[in-house]
Amino acid sequence: MTDTQAGGPAQHLKTGDIPLSQFLCFSLYSANHAMHRVYKPLLQKIGLTYPQYLAMVALWEQDGQLVGEIGARLHLESNTVTPLLKRLESLSFVTRVRDDKDERQVRIRLTEKGTALKEDTTDFASCILAASGISVDDLRDLQARITALRDNLLEAAA
């Protein structure tokens, strides 16, 4: 446990003293790649990329969001999220329409096909849980801790 974990001053670490296998950034990076490998066959069945799937999940939670709202939820810039949403539109999963209140904004709405696609993903959570090899409670705790880490890092980078 470092002094920071104990509530004291931050311990000074030198990068050269830490093996690659103990880099937090490498653990997150390689875990992300491993997660994508588990998702890949699931997503191939429904014809989506991982970022497209995340956008669909955001829309299944709340349909009719603005492009900027989806980008904020996914932590993506508009120049990344716009082509992603255009591709979902070309697949007939969503429609993009100008907002009634502000025509500069584009609102994304699920189509019937996009809404129905959710049914094809019902087993995804159990597949990920099984592949993780940890309990639901441990997975929830891990997700909360990673989210806190992400938020702290974003704050530090701002």
N, C-alpha and C. Protein backbone atom coordinates (compact mmCIF):
# COMPACT_ATOMS: atom_id res chain seq x y z
N MET A 1 0.86 -1.18 0.00
CA MET A 1 0.00 0.00 0.00
C MET A 1 0.90 1.24 0.00
N THR A 2 0.58 2.19 -0.89
CA THR A 2 1.37 3.42 -0.92
C THR A 2 0.88 4.38 0.14
N ASP A 3 1.69 5.44 0.39
CA ASP A 3 1.28 6.46 1.35
C ASP A 3 -0.03 7.11 0.92
N THR A 4 -0.23 7.27 -0.40
CA THR A 4 -1.45 7.88 -0.88
C THR A 4 -2.65 7.02 -0.50
N GLN A 5 -2.52 5.70 -0.64
CA GLN A 5 -3.62 4.82 -0.27
C GLN A 5 -3.89 4.89 1.23
N ALA A 6 -2.86 5.12 2.00
CA ALA A 6 -3.01 5.20 3.45
C ALA A 6 -3.48 6.59 3.88
N GLY A 7 -3.63 7.50 2.92
CA GLY A 7 -4.10 8.83 3.25
C GLY A 7 -2.97 9.83 3.45
N GLY A 8 -1.72 9.40 3.29
CA GLY A 8 -0.57 10.27 3.47
C GLY A 8 -0.13 10.89 2.17
N PRO A 9 1.06 11.51 2.17
CA PRO A 9 1.57 12.13 0.94
C PRO A 9 1.88 11.08 -0.12
N ALA A 10 1.83 11.50 -1.36
CA ALA A 10 2.11 10.58 -2.47
C ALA A 10 3.53 10.07 -2.40
N GLN A 11 3.70 8.78 -2.63
CA GLN A 11 5.01 8.17 -2.67
C GLN A 11 5.62 8.46 -4.03
N HIS A 12 6.89 8.82 -4.06
CA HIS A 12 7.55 9.10 -5.32
C HIS A 12 8.04 7.79 -5.93
N LEU A 13 7.58 7.49 -7.13
CA LEU A 13 7.99 6.30 -7.84
C LEU A 13 8.69 6.71 -9.12
N LYS A 14 9.70 5.98 -9.49
CA LYS A 14 10.40 6.21 -10.75
C LYS A 14 9.95 5.14 -11.74
N THR A 15 9.57 5.57 -12.92
CA THR A 15 9.07 4.65 -13.94
C THR A 15 10.04 3.50 -14.17
N GLY A 16 11.32 3.77 -14.22
CA GLY A 16 12.31 2.72 -14.46
C GLY A 16 12.35 1.66 -13.39
N ASP A 17 11.79 1.95 -12.21
CA ASP A 17 11.78 0.98 -11.11
C ASP A 17 10.56 0.05 -11.17
N ILE A 18 9.65 0.29 -12.11
CA ILE A 18 8.41 -0.49 -12.19
C ILE A 18 8.43 -1.35 -13.44
N PRO A 19 8.29 -2.67 -13.30
CA PRO A 19 8.23 -3.52 -14.50
C PRO A 19 6.92 -3.27 -15.26
N LEU A 20 6.98 -3.47 -16.57
CA LEU A 20 5.81 -3.25 -17.42
C LEU A 20 4.56 -3.93 -16.88
N SER A 21 4.71 -5.14 -16.39
CA SER A 21 3.56 -5.91 -15.89
C SER A 21 2.87 -5.23 -14.71
N GLN A 22 3.54 -4.26 -14.07
CA GLN A 22 2.94 -3.56 -12.94
C GLN A 22 2.51 -2.14 -13.29
N PHE A 23 2.63 -1.74 -14.56
CA PHE A 23 2.12 -0.44 -14.98
C PHE A 23 0.59 -0.49 -14.96
N LEU A 24 -0.04 0.40 -14.25
CA LEU A 24 -1.49 0.47 -14.23
C LEU A 24 -2.02 0.72 -15.64
N CYS A 25 -1.38 1.64 -16.36
CA CYS A 25 -1.85 1.96 -17.71
C CYS A 25 -1.78 0.72 -18.61
N PHE A 26 -0.74 -0.09 -18.46
CA PHE A 26 -0.64 -1.29 -19.28
C PHE A 26 -1.70 -2.32 -18.89
N SER A 27 -1.96 -2.44 -17.59
CA SER A 27 -3.01 -3.38 -17.15
C SER A 27 -4.36 -2.98 -17.72
N LEU A 28 -4.68 -1.69 -17.70
CA LEU A 28 -5.95 -1.21 -18.26
C LEU A 28 -5.98 -1.40 -19.77
N TYR A 29 -4.88 -1.08 -20.43
CA TYR A 29 -4.77 -1.20 -21.88
C TYR A 29 -4.95 -2.65 -22.32
N SER A 30 -4.22 -3.56 -21.68
CA SER A 30 -4.30 -4.96 -22.08
C SER A 30 -5.63 -5.59 -21.68
N ALA A 31 -6.22 -5.16 -20.56
CA ALA A 31 -7.55 -5.64 -20.18
C ALA A 31 -8.59 -5.16 -21.19
N ASN A 32 -8.43 -3.94 -21.69
CA ASN A 32 -9.33 -3.42 -22.71
C ASN A 32 -9.27 -4.27 -23.97
N HIS A 33 -8.05 -4.63 -24.38
CA HIS A 33 -7.91 -5.50 -25.56
C HIS A 33 -8.53 -6.88 -25.31
N ALA A 34 -8.34 -7.41 -24.13
CA ALA A 34 -8.92 -8.71 -23.79
C ALA A 34 -10.45 -8.63 -23.80
N MET A 35 -11.00 -7.53 -23.28
CA MET A 35 -12.45 -7.34 -23.27
C MET A 35 -12.98 -7.29 -24.71
N HIS A 36 -12.27 -6.59 -25.58
CA HIS A 36 -12.68 -6.49 -26.97
C HIS A 36 -12.66 -7.87 -27.65
N ARG A 37 -11.71 -8.70 -27.29
CA ARG A 37 -11.65 -10.05 -27.87
C ARG A 37 -12.87 -10.88 -27.45
N VAL A 38 -13.35 -10.67 -26.24
CA VAL A 38 -14.55 -11.38 -25.79
C VAL A 38 -15.79 -10.83 -26.51
N TYR A 39 -15.84 -9.52 -26.68
CA TYR A 39 -16.99 -8.90 -27.34
C TYR A 39 -17.03 -9.17 -28.85
N LYS A 40 -15.87 -9.34 -29.47
CA LYS A 40 -15.80 -9.41 -30.94
C LYS A 40 -16.77 -10.41 -31.55
N PRO A 41 -16.79 -11.69 -31.12
CA PRO A 41 -17.73 -12.62 -31.75
C PRO A 41 -19.19 -12.27 -31.46
N LEU A 42 -19.45 -11.70 -30.30
CA LEU A 42 -20.82 -11.29 -29.97
C LEU A 42 -21.28 -10.18 -30.91
N LEU A 43 -20.40 -9.21 -31.12
CA LEU A 43 -20.74 -8.06 -31.95
C LEU A 43 -20.79 -8.42 -33.43
N GLN A 44 -19.97 -9.38 -33.85
CA GLN A 44 -20.01 -9.81 -35.25
C GLN A 44 -21.39 -10.38 -35.59
N LYS A 45 -22.01 -11.05 -34.63
CA LYS A 45 -23.34 -11.63 -34.86
C LYS A 45 -24.38 -10.56 -35.16
N ILE A 46 -24.21 -9.37 -34.58
CA ILE A 46 -25.20 -8.31 -34.79
C ILE A 46 -24.70 -7.22 -35.75
N GLY A 47 -23.48 -7.37 -36.25
CA GLY A 47 -22.96 -6.47 -37.26
C GLY A 47 -22.56 -5.09 -36.78
N LEU A 48 -22.11 -5.00 -35.52
CA LEU A 48 -21.69 -3.71 -34.97
C LEU A 48 -20.25 -3.76 -34.50
N THR A 49 -19.62 -2.60 -34.48
CA THR A 49 -18.33 -2.44 -33.82
C THR A 49 -18.61 -2.15 -32.35
N TYR A 50 -17.57 -2.23 -31.54
CA TYR A 50 -17.75 -1.95 -30.11
C TYR A 50 -18.24 -0.52 -29.86
N PRO A 51 -17.65 0.52 -30.47
CA PRO A 51 -18.18 1.87 -30.25
C PRO A 51 -19.63 2.03 -30.72
N GLN A 52 -19.98 1.38 -31.83
CA GLN A 52 -21.37 1.44 -32.29
C GLN A 52 -22.30 0.77 -31.27
N TYR A 53 -21.86 -0.34 -30.73
CA TYR A 53 -22.65 -1.03 -29.70
C TYR A 53 -22.86 -0.13 -28.49
N LEU A 54 -21.80 0.55 -28.04
CA LEU A 54 -21.94 1.45 -26.89
C LEU A 54 -22.93 2.57 -27.18
N ALA A 55 -22.91 3.10 -28.39
CA ALA A 55 -23.87 4.15 -28.77
C ALA A 55 -25.30 3.59 -28.73
N MET A 56 -25.46 2.38 -29.20
CA MET A 56 -26.80 1.76 -29.16
C MET A 56 -27.25 1.54 -27.72
N VAL A 57 -26.34 1.10 -26.85
CA VAL A 57 -26.70 0.91 -25.44
C VAL A 57 -27.15 2.24 -24.83
N ALA A 58 -26.42 3.31 -25.14
CA ALA A 58 -26.81 4.64 -24.64
C ALA A 58 -28.20 5.01 -25.14
N LEU A 59 -28.51 4.70 -26.38
CA LEU A 59 -29.83 5.02 -26.92
C LEU A 59 -30.91 4.09 -26.39
N TRP A 60 -30.59 2.83 -26.11
CA TRP A 60 -31.58 1.95 -25.49
C TRP A 60 -31.92 2.43 -24.10
N GLU A 61 -30.96 3.04 -23.42
CA GLU A 61 -31.23 3.61 -22.09
C GLU A 61 -32.09 4.85 -22.19
N GLN A 62 -31.83 5.68 -23.20
CA GLN A 62 -32.59 6.93 -23.38
C GLN A 62 -32.58 7.30 -24.86
N ASP A 63 -33.69 7.05 -25.50
CA ASP A 63 -33.82 7.35 -26.93
C ASP A 63 -33.96 8.87 -27.11
N GLY A 64 -33.60 9.34 -28.31
CA GLY A 64 -33.81 10.74 -28.66
C GLY A 64 -32.77 11.70 -28.11
N GLN A 65 -31.57 11.23 -27.86
CA GLN A 65 -30.52 12.11 -27.34
C GLN A 65 -29.90 12.92 -28.47
N LEU A 66 -29.34 14.06 -28.10
CA LEU A 66 -28.58 14.87 -29.03
C LEU A 66 -27.21 14.22 -29.26
N VAL A 67 -26.61 14.49 -30.41
CA VAL A 67 -25.29 13.95 -30.73
C VAL A 67 -24.30 14.29 -29.61
N GLY A 68 -24.32 15.52 -29.14
CA GLY A 68 -23.41 15.95 -28.08
C GLY A 68 -23.62 15.19 -26.78
N GLU A 69 -24.86 14.87 -26.48
CA GLU A 69 -25.15 14.10 -25.26
C GLU A 69 -24.58 12.69 -25.37
N ILE A 70 -24.74 12.07 -26.53
CA ILE A 70 -24.19 10.72 -26.73
C ILE A 70 -22.67 10.78 -26.64
N GLY A 71 -22.07 11.78 -27.29
CA GLY A 71 -20.62 11.93 -27.23
C GLY A 71 -20.13 12.08 -25.80
N ALA A 72 -20.83 12.89 -25.01
CA ALA A 72 -20.43 13.09 -23.61
C ALA A 72 -20.54 11.79 -22.82
N ARG A 73 -21.60 11.05 -23.03
CA ARG A 73 -21.78 9.78 -22.30
C ARG A 73 -20.71 8.76 -22.67
N LEU A 74 -20.27 8.79 -23.94
CA LEU A 74 -19.27 7.83 -24.40
C LEU A 74 -17.85 8.37 -24.28
N HIS A 75 -17.72 9.61 -23.81
CA HIS A 75 -16.41 10.27 -23.71
C HIS A 75 -15.74 10.33 -25.07
N LEU A 76 -16.51 10.72 -26.09
CA LEU A 76 -16.02 10.85 -27.45
C LEU A 76 -16.27 12.26 -27.96
N GLU A 77 -15.37 12.75 -28.79
CA GLU A 77 -15.54 14.05 -29.43
C GLU A 77 -16.56 13.92 -30.55
N SER A 78 -17.19 15.05 -30.93
CA SER A 78 -18.21 15.00 -31.96
C SER A 78 -17.66 14.52 -33.30
N ASN A 79 -16.38 14.82 -33.59
CA ASN A 79 -15.81 14.37 -34.86
C ASN A 79 -15.59 12.85 -34.89
N THR A 80 -15.71 12.20 -33.74
CA THR A 80 -15.64 10.74 -33.66
C THR A 80 -17.04 10.14 -33.62
N VAL A 81 -17.92 10.76 -32.85
CA VAL A 81 -19.25 10.18 -32.67
C VAL A 81 -20.14 10.40 -33.90
N THR A 82 -19.97 11.50 -34.63
CA THR A 82 -20.82 11.77 -35.79
C THR A 82 -20.70 10.70 -36.87
N PRO A 83 -19.48 10.32 -37.30
CA PRO A 83 -19.39 9.25 -38.30
C PRO A 83 -19.94 7.91 -37.79
N LEU A 84 -19.75 7.65 -36.51
CA LEU A 84 -20.26 6.43 -35.90
C LEU A 84 -21.79 6.39 -36.00
N LEU A 85 -22.43 7.53 -35.69
CA LEU A 85 -23.90 7.61 -35.76
C LEU A 85 -24.39 7.58 -37.20
N LYS A 86 -23.63 8.16 -38.12
CA LYS A 86 -24.00 8.10 -39.54
C LYS A 86 -23.99 6.64 -40.01
N ARG A 87 -23.01 5.88 -39.55
CA ARG A 87 -22.94 4.46 -39.93
C ARG A 87 -24.13 3.70 -39.36
N LEU A 88 -24.52 4.00 -38.11
CA LEU A 88 -25.70 3.35 -37.53
C LEU A 88 -26.95 3.73 -38.32
N GLU A 89 -26.99 4.95 -38.82
CA GLU A 89 -28.12 5.37 -39.65
C GLU A 89 -28.12 4.59 -40.97
N SER A 90 -26.95 4.41 -41.58
CA SER A 90 -26.87 3.66 -42.84
C SER A 90 -27.27 2.20 -42.65
N LEU A 91 -27.13 1.69 -41.43
CA LEU A 91 -27.55 0.33 -41.10
C LEU A 91 -29.03 0.27 -40.70
N SER A 92 -29.69 1.43 -40.72
CA SER A 92 -31.13 1.57 -40.39
C SER A 92 -31.45 1.30 -38.93
N PHE A 93 -30.47 1.51 -38.04
CA PHE A 93 -30.71 1.35 -36.60
C PHE A 93 -31.16 2.65 -35.95
N VAL A 94 -30.79 3.78 -36.53
CA VAL A 94 -31.15 5.08 -35.97
C VAL A 94 -31.52 6.04 -37.11
N THR A 95 -32.19 7.12 -36.72
CA THR A 95 -32.39 8.24 -37.63
C THR A 95 -31.77 9.46 -36.98
N ARG A 96 -31.26 10.35 -37.82
CA ARG A 96 -30.70 11.61 -37.35
C ARG A 96 -31.59 12.74 -37.87
N VAL A 97 -32.12 13.53 -36.95
CA VAL A 97 -33.01 14.63 -37.34
C VAL A 97 -32.59 15.90 -36.62
N ARG A 98 -32.78 17.03 -37.27
CA ARG A 98 -32.50 18.31 -36.65
C ARG A 98 -33.46 18.51 -35.48
N ASP A 99 -32.94 19.05 -34.40
CA ASP A 99 -33.74 19.29 -33.20
C ASP A 99 -34.76 20.39 -33.48
N ASP A 100 -35.98 20.21 -33.00
CA ASP A 100 -37.04 21.20 -33.19
C ASP A 100 -36.71 22.54 -32.55
N LYS A 101 -36.08 22.51 -31.39
CA LYS A 101 -35.80 23.74 -30.63
C LYS A 101 -34.54 24.45 -31.11
N ASP A 102 -33.58 23.71 -31.63
CA ASP A 102 -32.33 24.29 -32.08
C ASP A 102 -31.83 23.49 -33.29
N GLU A 103 -32.04 24.04 -34.47
CA GLU A 103 -31.72 23.30 -35.70
C GLU A 103 -30.22 23.04 -35.87
N ARG A 104 -29.38 23.66 -35.06
CA ARG A 104 -27.95 23.37 -35.11
C ARG A 104 -27.63 22.02 -34.48
N GLN A 105 -28.56 21.53 -33.67
CA GLN A 105 -28.38 20.27 -32.97
C GLN A 105 -29.03 19.12 -33.74
N VAL A 106 -28.42 17.94 -33.65
CA VAL A 106 -28.97 16.75 -34.30
C VAL A 106 -29.38 15.76 -33.21
N ARG A 107 -30.62 15.32 -33.31
CA ARG A 107 -31.17 14.36 -32.34
C ARG A 107 -31.17 12.97 -32.98
N ILE A 108 -30.80 11.98 -32.18
CA ILE A 108 -30.70 10.60 -32.65
C ILE A 108 -31.86 9.80 -32.06
N ARG A 109 -32.59 9.15 -32.95
CA ARG A 109 -33.72 8.33 -32.53
C ARG A 109 -33.56 6.90 -33.06
N LEU A 110 -33.92 5.96 -32.22
CA LEU A 110 -33.89 4.56 -32.64
C LEU A 110 -35.00 4.29 -33.65
N THR A 111 -34.71 3.44 -34.62
CA THR A 111 -35.73 2.93 -35.52
C THR A 111 -36.31 1.66 -34.88
N GLU A 112 -37.34 1.11 -35.50
CA GLU A 112 -37.87 -0.17 -35.01
C GLU A 112 -36.78 -1.24 -35.05
N LYS A 113 -36.00 -1.23 -36.12
CA LYS A 113 -34.91 -2.20 -36.26
C LYS A 113 -33.87 -1.99 -35.16
N GLY A 114 -33.57 -0.73 -34.83
CA GLY A 114 -32.62 -0.43 -33.76
C GLY A 114 -33.12 -0.85 -32.40
N THR A 115 -34.40 -0.64 -32.16
CA THR A 115 -35.01 -1.06 -30.89
C THR A 115 -35.00 -2.58 -30.79
N ALA A 116 -35.35 -3.25 -31.88
CA ALA A 116 -35.40 -4.72 -31.90
C ALA A 116 -34.03 -5.34 -31.70
N LEU A 117 -32.97 -4.64 -32.12
CA LEU A 117 -31.61 -5.18 -31.99
C LEU A 117 -31.24 -5.47 -30.54
N LYS A 118 -31.83 -4.74 -29.62
CA LYS A 118 -31.54 -4.94 -28.19
C LYS A 118 -31.78 -6.40 -27.78
N GLU A 119 -32.81 -7.01 -28.36
CA GLU A 119 -33.12 -8.41 -28.03
C GLU A 119 -31.97 -9.35 -28.38
N ASP A 120 -31.21 -8.99 -29.41
CA ASP A 120 -30.09 -9.83 -29.83
C ASP A 120 -28.88 -9.70 -28.92
N THR A 121 -28.95 -8.82 -27.94
CA THR A 121 -27.81 -8.58 -27.04
C THR A 121 -28.09 -9.02 -25.61
N THR A 122 -29.22 -9.68 -25.38
CA THR A 122 -29.61 -10.01 -24.01
C THR A 122 -28.63 -10.93 -23.30
N ASP A 123 -27.89 -11.74 -24.04
CA ASP A 123 -26.94 -12.66 -23.39
C ASP A 123 -25.54 -12.07 -23.25
N PHE A 124 -25.32 -10.86 -23.72
CA PHE A 124 -23.99 -10.26 -23.66
C PHE A 124 -23.47 -10.16 -22.22
N ALA A 125 -24.30 -9.68 -21.31
CA ALA A 125 -23.85 -9.48 -19.93
C ALA A 125 -23.42 -10.80 -19.29
N SER A 126 -24.19 -11.85 -19.51
CA SER A 126 -23.82 -13.15 -18.92
C SER A 126 -22.55 -13.70 -19.56
N CYS A 127 -22.35 -13.45 -20.85
CA CYS A 127 -21.12 -13.89 -21.51
C CYS A 127 -19.90 -13.16 -20.93
N ILE A 128 -20.03 -11.86 -20.71
CA ILE A 128 -18.93 -11.07 -20.15
C ILE A 128 -18.67 -11.50 -18.71
N LEU A 129 -19.73 -11.71 -17.94
CA LEU A 129 -19.57 -12.16 -16.56
C LEU A 129 -18.84 -13.50 -16.52
N ALA A 130 -19.26 -14.43 -17.35
CA ALA A 130 -18.62 -15.76 -17.37
C ALA A 130 -17.15 -15.64 -17.77
N ALA A 131 -16.86 -14.83 -18.77
CA ALA A 131 -15.48 -14.67 -19.24
C ALA A 131 -14.60 -13.99 -18.20
N SER A 132 -15.20 -13.13 -17.37
CA SER A 132 -14.42 -12.38 -16.38
C SER A 132 -13.90 -13.28 -15.26
N GLY A 133 -14.62 -14.32 -14.97
CA GLY A 133 -14.20 -15.24 -13.92
C GLY A 133 -14.34 -14.69 -12.51
N ILE A 134 -15.10 -13.60 -12.37
CA ILE A 134 -15.32 -13.03 -11.03
C ILE A 134 -16.81 -12.89 -10.77
N SER A 135 -17.17 -12.70 -9.51
CA SER A 135 -18.58 -12.63 -9.13
C SER A 135 -19.21 -11.31 -9.59
N VAL A 136 -20.53 -11.30 -9.62
CA VAL A 136 -21.26 -10.08 -9.97
C VAL A 136 -20.88 -8.95 -9.02
N ASP A 137 -20.83 -9.22 -7.73
CA ASP A 137 -20.48 -8.18 -6.76
C ASP A 137 -19.07 -7.64 -6.98
N ASP A 138 -18.13 -8.55 -7.23
CA ASP A 138 -16.75 -8.12 -7.49
C ASP A 138 -16.66 -7.33 -8.79
N LEU A 139 -17.43 -7.74 -9.79
CA LEU A 139 -17.44 -7.02 -11.06
C LEU A 139 -18.01 -5.62 -10.89
N ARG A 140 -19.08 -5.49 -10.12
CA ARG A 140 -19.66 -4.16 -9.85
C ARG A 140 -18.67 -3.27 -9.09
N ASP A 141 -17.98 -3.86 -8.11
CA ASP A 141 -16.99 -3.10 -7.35
C ASP A 141 -15.85 -2.66 -8.26
N LEU A 142 -15.37 -3.55 -9.11
CA LEU A 142 -14.30 -3.23 -10.04
C LEU A 142 -14.73 -2.12 -10.99
N GLN A 143 -15.93 -2.21 -11.51
CA GLN A 143 -16.43 -1.19 -12.44
C GLN A 143 -16.51 0.16 -11.73
N ALA A 144 -16.98 0.20 -10.50
CA ALA A 144 -17.07 1.45 -9.75
C ALA A 144 -15.68 2.04 -9.50
N ARG A 145 -14.72 1.19 -9.19
CA ARG A 145 -13.36 1.66 -8.94
C ARG A 145 -12.70 2.18 -10.21
N ILE A 146 -12.94 1.50 -11.33
CA ILE A 146 -12.39 1.97 -12.61
C ILE A 146 -13.04 3.30 -13.00
N THR A 147 -14.34 3.43 -12.77
CA THR A 147 -15.02 4.70 -13.06
C THR A 147 -14.45 5.83 -12.22
N ALA A 148 -14.21 5.58 -10.95
CA ALA A 148 -13.60 6.60 -10.08
C ALA A 148 -12.20 6.95 -10.57
N LEU A 149 -11.44 5.96 -10.98
CA LEU A 149 -10.11 6.20 -11.53
C LEU A 149 -10.20 7.07 -12.77
N ARG A 150 -11.09 6.72 -13.69
CA ARG A 150 -11.28 7.50 -14.91
C ARG A 150 -11.63 8.95 -14.58
N ASP A 151 -12.57 9.14 -13.68
CA ASP A 151 -13.00 10.49 -13.31
C ASP A 151 -11.85 11.29 -12.69
N ASN A 152 -11.06 10.64 -11.83
CA ASN A 152 -9.90 11.32 -11.23
C ASN A 152 -8.87 11.71 -12.30
N LEU A 153 -8.63 10.81 -13.23
CA LEU A 153 -7.67 11.09 -14.30
C LEU A 153 -8.16 12.22 -15.20
N LEU A 154 -9.45 12.22 -15.52
CA LEU A 154 -10.00 13.31 -16.33
C LEU A 154 -9.88 14.65 -15.61
N GLU A 155 -10.13 14.63 -14.32
CA GLU A 155 -10.01 15.86 -13.52
C GLU A 155 -8.56 16.34 -13.49
N ALA A 156 -7.62 15.40 -13.33
CA ALA A 156 -6.20 15.76 -13.28
C ALA A 156 -5.72 16.31 -14.63
N ALA A 157 -6.29 15.79 -15.72
CA ALA A 157 -5.88 16.23 -17.06
C ALA A 157 -6.50 17.57 -17.47
N ALA A 158 -7.55 17.96 -16.77
CA ALA A 158 -8.27 19.20 -17.15
C ALA A 158 -7.49 20.45 -16.82
